[in-house]
Amino acid sequence: MNIPDKDKPFPLEHYDRLCFLKNIITNPNIIVGDYSCYDDFEDVHNFEKNVKYLFDFRGDQLIIGKFCMISSDVTFI
């Protein structure tokens, strides 16, 4: 059995709706485990738009575990 490479953005070839989230996050206040995945019907880069009320000046952080699966249209408050 082949294990997907955690350092590649997309674990499944020719399927760009599912990604390893840590490889597409740009916000340093969002910390994501190696194998946590995100699925989006439109574009996986929409994830950060779904994270609401994450304030830098307060030191807020969103921490997502190592083996989580997050579906489309999930909003983090």
PDB file of N, CA and C in Angstrom:
ATOM      1  N   MET A   1       0.833  -1.172   0.000  1.00  0.00           N
ATOM      2  CA  MET A   1       0.000   0.000   0.000  1.00  0.00           C
ATOM      3  C   MET A   1       0.881   1.239   0.000  1.00  0.00           C
ATOM      4  N   ASN A   2       0.564   2.186  -0.873  1.00  0.00           N
ATOM      5  CA  ASN A   2       1.321   3.429  -0.945  1.00  0.00           C
ATOM      6  C   ASN A   2       0.695   4.489  -0.049  1.00  0.00           C
ATOM      7  N   ILE A   3       1.522   5.141   0.719  1.00  0.00           N
ATOM      8  CA  ILE A   3       1.076   6.232   1.578  1.00  0.00           C
ATOM      9  C   ILE A   3       1.291   7.530   0.815  1.00  0.00           C
ATOM     10  N   PRO A   4       0.288   8.409   0.765  1.00  0.00           N
ATOM     11  CA  PRO A   4       0.462   9.684   0.052  1.00  0.00           C
ATOM     12  C   PRO A   4       1.580  10.519   0.676  1.00  0.00           C
ATOM     13  N   ASP A   5       2.290  11.230  -0.163  1.00  0.00           N
ATOM     14  CA  ASP A   5       3.370  12.102   0.292  1.00  0.00           C
ATOM     15  C   ASP A   5       2.771  13.338   0.961  1.00  0.00           C
ATOM     16  N   LYS A   6       3.025  13.514   2.243  1.00  0.00           N
ATOM     17  CA  LYS A   6       2.444  14.610   3.013  1.00  0.00           C
ATOM     18  C   LYS A   6       2.960  15.977   2.578  1.00  0.00           C
ATOM     19  N   ASP A   7       4.024  16.024   1.798  1.00  0.00           N
ATOM     20  CA  ASP A   7       4.591  17.289   1.355  1.00  0.00           C
ATOM     21  C   ASP A   7       4.060  17.750   0.002  1.00  0.00           C
ATOM     22  N   LYS A   8       3.238  16.942  -0.629  1.00  0.00           N
ATOM     23  CA  LYS A   8       2.591  17.341  -1.880  1.00  0.00           C
ATOM     24  C   LYS A   8       1.218  17.913  -1.542  1.00  0.00           C
ATOM     25  N   PRO A   9       0.776  18.930  -2.258  1.00  0.00           N
ATOM     26  CA  PRO A   9      -0.519  19.530  -1.928  1.00  0.00           C
ATOM     27  C   PRO A   9      -1.711  18.590  -2.147  1.00  0.00           C
ATOM     28  N   PHE A  10      -1.650  17.748  -3.169  1.00  0.00           N
ATOM     29  CA  PHE A  10      -2.794  16.905  -3.507  1.00  0.00           C
ATOM     30  C   PHE A  10      -2.426  15.425  -3.370  1.00  0.00           C
ATOM     31  N   PRO A  11      -3.091  14.713  -2.452  1.00  0.00           N
ATOM     32  CA  PRO A  11      -2.742  13.308  -2.218  1.00  0.00           C
ATOM     33  C   PRO A  11      -3.218  12.365  -3.323  1.00  0.00           C
ATOM     34  N   LEU A  12      -4.236  12.758  -4.072  1.00  0.00           N
ATOM     35  CA  LEU A  12      -4.761  11.927  -5.154  1.00  0.00           C
ATOM     36  C   LEU A  12      -4.443  12.563  -6.498  1.00  0.00           C
ATOM     37  N   GLU A  13      -3.816  11.806  -7.361  1.00  0.00           N
ATOM     38  CA  GLU A  13      -3.483  12.328  -8.687  1.00  0.00           C
ATOM     39  C   GLU A  13      -4.751  12.658  -9.468  1.00  0.00           C
ATOM     40  N   HIS A  14      -4.703  13.748 -10.224  1.00  0.00           N
ATOM     41  CA  HIS A  14      -5.793  14.162 -11.113  1.00  0.00           C
ATOM     42  C   HIS A  14      -7.078  14.484 -10.354  1.00  0.00           C
ATOM     43  N   TYR A  15      -6.961  14.845  -9.088  1.00  0.00           N
ATOM     44  CA  TYR A  15      -8.130  15.202  -8.284  1.00  0.00           C
ATOM     45  C   TYR A  15      -7.738  16.392  -7.421  1.00  0.00           C
ATOM     46  N   ASP A  16      -8.153  17.592  -7.842  1.00  0.00           N
ATOM     47  CA  ASP A  16      -7.703  18.802  -7.160  1.00  0.00           C
ATOM     48  C   ASP A  16      -8.728  19.382  -6.189  1.00  0.00           C
ATOM     49  N   ARG A  17      -9.759  18.633  -5.851  1.00  0.00           N
ATOM     50  CA  ARG A  17     -10.734  19.078  -4.847  1.00  0.00           C
ATOM     51  C   ARG A  17     -10.309  18.726  -3.430  1.00  0.00           C
ATOM     52  N   LEU A  18      -9.369  17.824  -3.286  1.00  0.00           N
ATOM     53  CA  LEU A  18      -8.905  17.357  -1.985  1.00  0.00           C
ATOM     54  C   LEU A  18      -7.422  17.678  -1.844  1.00  0.00           C
ATOM     55  N   CYS A  19      -7.055  18.296  -0.722  1.00  0.00           N
ATOM     56  CA  CYS A  19      -5.645  18.651  -0.544  1.00  0.00           C
ATOM     57  C   CYS A  19      -5.210  18.395   0.892  1.00  0.00           C
ATOM     58  N   PHE A  20      -3.895  18.284   1.058  1.00  0.00           N
ATOM     59  CA  PHE A  20      -3.317  18.319   2.394  1.00  0.00           C
ATOM     60  C   PHE A  20      -3.262  19.789   2.782  1.00  0.00           C
ATOM     61  N   LEU A  21      -3.999  20.143   3.780  1.00  0.00           N
ATOM     62  CA  LEU A  21      -4.235  21.532   4.131  1.00  0.00           C
ATOM     63  C   LEU A  21      -2.968  22.303   4.493  1.00  0.00           C
ATOM     64  N   LYS A  22      -2.036  21.660   5.163  1.00  0.00           N
ATOM     65  CA  LYS A  22      -0.833  22.385   5.606  1.00  0.00           C
ATOM     66  C   LYS A  22      -0.014  22.921   4.432  1.00  0.00           C
ATOM     67  N   ASN A  23      -0.202  22.336   3.252  1.00  0.00           N
ATOM     68  CA  ASN A  23       0.577  22.757   2.084  1.00  0.00           C
ATOM     69  C   ASN A  23      -0.015  23.951   1.350  1.00  0.00           C
ATOM     70  N   ILE A  24      -1.223  24.370   1.714  1.00  0.00           N
ATOM     71  CA  ILE A  24      -1.815  25.522   1.022  1.00  0.00           C
ATOM     72  C   ILE A  24      -2.074  26.704   1.948  1.00  0.00           C
ATOM     73  N   ILE A  25      -1.922  26.531   3.252  1.00  0.00           N
ATOM     74  CA  ILE A  25      -2.173  27.597   4.219  1.00  0.00           C
ATOM     75  C   ILE A  25      -1.057  28.638   4.155  1.00  0.00           C
ATOM     76  N   THR A  26      -1.443  29.915   4.131  1.00  0.00           N
ATOM     77  CA  THR A  26      -0.456  30.999   4.140  1.00  0.00           C
ATOM     78  C   THR A  26      -0.468  31.777   5.448  1.00  0.00           C
ATOM     79  N   ASN A  27      -1.536  31.679   6.229  1.00  0.00           N
ATOM     80  CA  ASN A  27      -1.653  32.408   7.484  1.00  0.00           C
ATOM     81  C   ASN A  27      -0.843  31.694   8.572  1.00  0.00           C
ATOM     82  N   PRO A  28       0.146  32.379   9.168  1.00  0.00           N
ATOM     83  CA  PRO A  28       0.969  31.717  10.198  1.00  0.00           C
ATOM     84  C   PRO A  28       0.204  31.403  11.484  1.00  0.00           C
ATOM     85  N   ASN A  29      -0.994  31.953  11.653  1.00  0.00           N
ATOM     86  CA  ASN A  29      -1.789  31.677  12.851  1.00  0.00           C
ATOM     87  C   ASN A  29      -2.693  30.464  12.690  1.00  0.00           C
ATOM     88  N   ILE A  30      -2.622  29.819  11.543  1.00  0.00           N
ATOM     89  CA  ILE A  30      -3.355  28.573  11.322  1.00  0.00           C
ATOM     90  C   ILE A  30      -2.326  27.449  11.276  1.00  0.00           C
ATOM     91  N   ILE A  31      -2.396  26.555  12.242  1.00  0.00           N
ATOM     92  CA  ILE A  31      -1.437  25.458  12.369  1.00  0.00           C
ATOM     93  C   ILE A  31      -2.177  24.162  12.053  1.00  0.00           C
ATOM     94  N   VAL A  32      -1.639  23.402  11.107  1.00  0.00           N
ATOM     95  CA  VAL A  32      -2.336  22.209  10.620  1.00  0.00           C
ATOM     96  C   VAL A  32      -1.397  21.015  10.657  1.00  0.00           C
ATOM     97  N   GLY A  33      -1.910  19.874  11.092  1.00  0.00           N
ATOM     98  CA  GLY A  33      -1.143  18.633  11.113  1.00  0.00           C
ATOM     99  C   GLY A  33      -0.824  18.126   9.719  1.00  0.00           C
ATOM    100  N   ASP A  34       0.138  17.235   9.633  1.00  0.00           N
ATOM    101  CA  ASP A  34       0.673  16.750   8.354  1.00  0.00           C
ATOM    102  C   ASP A  34      -0.359  16.122   7.427  1.00  0.00           C
ATOM    103  N   TYR A  35      -1.263  15.322   7.951  1.00  0.00           N
ATOM    104  CA  TYR A  35      -2.168  14.556   7.096  1.00  0.00           C
ATOM    105  C   TYR A  35      -3.618  15.047   7.132  1.00  0.00           C
ATOM    106  N   SER A  36      -3.853  16.234   7.643  1.00  0.00           N
ATOM    107  CA  SER A  36      -5.206  16.777   7.649  1.00  0.00           C
ATOM    108  C   SER A  36      -5.574  17.230   6.235  1.00  0.00           C
ATOM    109  N   CYS A  37      -6.764  16.863   5.820  1.00  0.00           N
ATOM    110  CA  CYS A  37      -7.210  17.120   4.442  1.00  0.00           C
ATOM    111  C   CYS A  37      -8.392  18.068   4.421  1.00  0.00           C
ATOM    112  N   TYR A  38      -8.520  18.746   3.311  1.00  0.00           N
ATOM    113  CA  TYR A  38      -9.639  19.657   3.092  1.00  0.00           C
ATOM    114  C   TYR A  38     -10.190  19.398   1.696  1.00  0.00           C
ATOM    115  N   ASP A  39     -11.509  19.319   1.611  1.00  0.00           N
ATOM    116  CA  ASP A  39     -12.190  19.116   0.330  1.00  0.00           C
ATOM    117  C   ASP A  39     -13.037  20.350   0.048  1.00  0.00           C
ATOM    118  N   ASP A  40     -12.974  20.861  -1.175  1.00  0.00           N
ATOM    119  CA  ASP A  40     -13.765  22.033  -1.543  1.00  0.00           C
ATOM    120  C   ASP A  40     -14.307  21.842  -2.951  1.00  0.00           C
ATOM    121  N   PHE A  41     -15.592  22.122  -3.113  1.00  0.00           N
ATOM    122  CA  PHE A  41     -16.226  21.957  -4.427  1.00  0.00           C
ATOM    123  C   PHE A  41     -15.688  22.928  -5.463  1.00  0.00           C
ATOM    124  N   GLU A  42     -15.250  24.116  -5.024  1.00  0.00           N
ATOM    125  CA  GLU A  42     -14.799  25.132  -5.974  1.00  0.00           C
ATOM    126  C   GLU A  42     -13.280  25.201  -6.081  1.00  0.00           C
ATOM    127  N   ASP A  43     -12.629  25.550  -4.963  1.00  0.00           N
ATOM    128  CA  ASP A  43     -11.180  25.729  -4.961  1.00  0.00           C
ATOM    129  C   ASP A  43     -10.673  25.525  -3.536  1.00  0.00           C
ATOM    130  N   VAL A  44      -9.677  24.701  -3.368  1.00  0.00           N
ATOM    131  CA  VAL A  44      -9.168  24.405  -2.023  1.00  0.00           C
ATOM    132  C   VAL A  44      -8.550  25.628  -1.352  1.00  0.00           C
ATOM    133  N   HIS A  45      -8.185  26.618  -2.127  1.00  0.00           N
ATOM    134  CA  HIS A  45      -7.606  27.829  -1.556  1.00  0.00           C
ATOM    135  C   HIS A  45      -8.658  28.714  -0.879  1.00  0.00           C
ATOM    136  N   ASN A  46      -9.907  28.302  -0.904  1.00  0.00           N
ATOM    137  CA  ASN A  46     -10.979  29.029  -0.215  1.00  0.00           C
ATOM    138  C   ASN A  46     -10.969  28.789   1.291  1.00  0.00           C
ATOM    139  N   PHE A  47     -10.164  27.870   1.767  1.00  0.00           N
ATOM    140  CA  PHE A  47     -10.199  27.510   3.186  1.00  0.00           C
ATOM    141  C   PHE A  47     -10.008  28.714   4.097  1.00  0.00           C
ATOM    142  N   GLU A  48      -9.017  29.532   3.822  1.00  0.00           N
ATOM    143  CA  GLU A  48      -8.722  30.660   4.714  1.00  0.00           C
ATOM    144  C   GLU A  48      -9.855  31.683   4.732  1.00  0.00           C
ATOM    145  N   LYS A  49     -10.642  31.750   3.691  1.00  0.00           N
ATOM    146  CA  LYS A  49     -11.810  32.640   3.673  1.00  0.00           C
ATOM    147  C   LYS A  49     -12.885  32.148   4.637  1.00  0.00           C
ATOM    148  N   ASN A  50     -12.872  30.858   4.952  1.00  0.00           N
ATOM    149  CA  ASN A  50     -13.863  30.263   5.846  1.00  0.00           C
ATOM    150  C   ASN A  50     -13.448  30.315   7.316  1.00  0.00           C
ATOM    151  N   VAL A  51     -12.302  30.901   7.596  1.00  0.00           N
ATOM    152  CA  VAL A  51     -11.850  31.072   8.977  1.00  0.00           C
ATOM    153  C   VAL A  51     -12.192  32.507   9.377  1.00  0.00           C
ATOM    154  N   LYS A  52     -13.194  32.655  10.200  1.00  0.00           N
ATOM    155  CA  LYS A  52     -13.688  33.975  10.606  1.00  0.00           C
ATOM    156  C   LYS A  52     -13.141  34.341  11.979  1.00  0.00           C
ATOM    157  N   TYR A  53     -12.971  35.611  12.214  1.00  0.00           N
ATOM    158  CA  TYR A  53     -12.621  36.154  13.534  1.00  0.00           C
ATOM    159  C   TYR A  53     -11.324  35.593  14.104  1.00  0.00           C
ATOM    160  N   LEU A  54     -10.311  35.492  13.282  1.00  0.00           N
ATOM    161  CA  LEU A  54      -8.979  35.088  13.737  1.00  0.00           C
ATOM    162  C   LEU A  54      -8.136  36.368  13.785  1.00  0.00           C
ATOM    163  N   PHE A  55      -7.998  36.929  14.969  1.00  0.00           N
ATOM    164  CA  PHE A  55      -7.385  38.245  15.124  1.00  0.00           C
ATOM    165  C   PHE A  55      -5.914  38.144  15.499  1.00  0.00           C
ATOM    166  N   ASP A  56      -5.053  38.727  14.651  1.00  0.00           N
ATOM    167  CA  ASP A  56      -3.616  38.738  14.919  1.00  0.00           C
ATOM    168  C   ASP A  56      -3.283  39.499  16.193  1.00  0.00           C
ATOM    169  N   PHE A  57      -3.928  40.633  16.409  1.00  0.00           N
ATOM    170  CA  PHE A  57      -3.585  41.484  17.547  1.00  0.00           C
ATOM    171  C   PHE A  57      -3.915  40.848  18.895  1.00  0.00           C
ATOM    172  N   ARG A  58      -4.746  39.813  18.897  1.00  0.00           N
ATOM    173  CA  ARG A  58      -5.068  39.104  20.140  1.00  0.00           C
ATOM    174  C   ARG A  58      -4.252  37.828  20.303  1.00  0.00           C
ATOM    175  N   GLY A  59      -3.514  37.471  19.258  1.00  0.00           N
ATOM    176  CA  GLY A  59      -2.723  36.246  19.319  1.00  0.00           C
ATOM    177  C   GLY A  59      -3.538  34.989  19.067  1.00  0.00           C
ATOM    178  N   ASP A  60      -4.701  35.149  18.412  1.00  0.00           N
ATOM    179  CA  ASP A  60      -5.555  33.994  18.122  1.00  0.00           C
ATOM    180  C   ASP A  60      -4.839  33.000  17.210  1.00  0.00           C
ATOM    181  N   GLN A  61      -5.129  31.722  17.411  1.00  0.00           N
ATOM    182  CA  GLN A  61      -4.604  30.658  16.558  1.00  0.00           C
ATOM    183  C   GLN A  61      -5.700  29.627  16.319  1.00  0.00           C
ATOM    184  N   LEU A  62      -5.670  29.055  15.146  1.00  0.00           N
ATOM    185  CA  LEU A  62      -6.507  27.900  14.838  1.00  0.00           C
ATOM    186  C   LEU A  62      -5.560  26.721  14.718  1.00  0.00           C
ATOM    187  N   ILE A  63      -5.765  25.709  15.546  1.00  0.00           N
ATOM    188  CA  ILE A  63      -4.895  24.526  15.528  1.00  0.00           C
ATOM    189  C   ILE A  63      -5.744  23.326  15.132  1.00  0.00           C
ATOM    190  N   ILE A  64      -5.332  22.675  14.047  1.00  0.00           N
ATOM    191  CA  ILE A  64      -6.045  21.517  13.515  1.00  0.00           C
ATOM    192  C   ILE A  64      -5.123  20.313  13.656  1.00  0.00           C
ATOM    193  N   GLY A  65      -5.659  19.205  14.142  1.00  0.00           N
ATOM    194  CA  GLY A  65      -4.870  18.001  14.427  1.00  0.00           C
ATOM    195  C   GLY A  65      -4.194  17.378  13.218  1.00  0.00           C
ATOM    196  N   LYS A  66      -3.532  16.277  13.465  1.00  0.00           N
ATOM    197  CA  LYS A  66      -2.705  15.620  12.446  1.00  0.00           C
ATOM    198  C   LYS A  66      -3.515  14.807  11.432  1.00  0.00           C
ATOM    199  N   PHE A  67      -4.647  14.241  11.832  1.00  0.00           N
ATOM    200  CA  PHE A  67      -5.431  13.378  10.946  1.00  0.00           C
ATOM    201  C   PHE A  67      -6.891  13.828  10.913  1.00  0.00           C
ATOM    202  N   CYS A  68      -7.151  15.021  10.413  1.00  0.00           N
ATOM    203  CA  CYS A  68      -8.516  15.555  10.345  1.00  0.00           C
ATOM    204  C   CYS A  68      -8.955  15.656   8.886  1.00  0.00           C
ATOM    205  N   MET A  69     -10.241  15.484   8.675  1.00  0.00           N
ATOM    206  CA  MET A  69     -10.819  15.651   7.340  1.00  0.00           C
ATOM    207  C   MET A  69     -11.870  16.744   7.440  1.00  0.00           C
ATOM    208  N   ILE A  70     -11.699  17.799   6.669  1.00  0.00           N
ATOM    209  CA  ILE A  70     -12.602  18.953   6.713  1.00  0.00           C
ATOM    210  C   ILE A  70     -13.307  19.051   5.372  1.00  0.00           C
ATOM    211  N   SER A  71     -14.633  19.143   5.422  1.00  0.00           N
ATOM    212  CA  SER A  71     -15.424  19.155   4.181  1.00  0.00           C
ATOM    213  C   SER A  71     -15.676  20.566   3.681  1.00  0.00           C
ATOM    214  N   SER A  72     -16.236  20.667   2.519  1.00  0.00           N
ATOM    215  CA  SER A  72     -16.559  21.947   1.889  1.00  0.00           C
ATOM    216  C   SER A  72     -17.500  22.763   2.752  1.00  0.00           C
ATOM    217  N   ASP A  73     -17.350  24.070   2.660  1.00  0.00           N
ATOM    218  CA  ASP A  73     -18.238  25.044   3.312  1.00  0.00           C
ATOM    219  C   ASP A  73     -18.239  24.998   4.829  1.00  0.00           C
ATOM    220  N   VAL A  74     -17.240  24.405   5.447  1.00  0.00           N
ATOM    221  CA  VAL A  74     -17.112  24.452   6.898  1.00  0.00           C
ATOM    222  C   VAL A  74     -16.583  25.834   7.270  1.00  0.00           C
ATOM    223  N   THR A  75     -17.201  26.443   8.279  1.00  0.00           N
ATOM    224  CA  THR A  75     -16.767  27.763   8.746  1.00  0.00           C
ATOM    225  C   THR A  75     -16.244  27.632  10.178  1.00  0.00           C
ATOM    226  N   PHE A  76     -15.063  28.187  10.408  1.00  0.00           N
ATOM    227  CA  PHE A  76     -14.478  28.214  11.742  1.00  0.00           C
ATOM    228  C   PHE A  76     -14.703  29.596  12.331  1.00  0.00           C
ATOM    229  N   ILE A  77     -15.316  29.634  13.512  1.00  0.00           N
ATOM    230  CA  ILE A  77     -15.607  30.916  14.169  1.00  0.00           C
ATOM    231  C   ILE A  77     -14.722  31.037  15.386  1.00  0.00           C
TER     232      ILE A  77
END
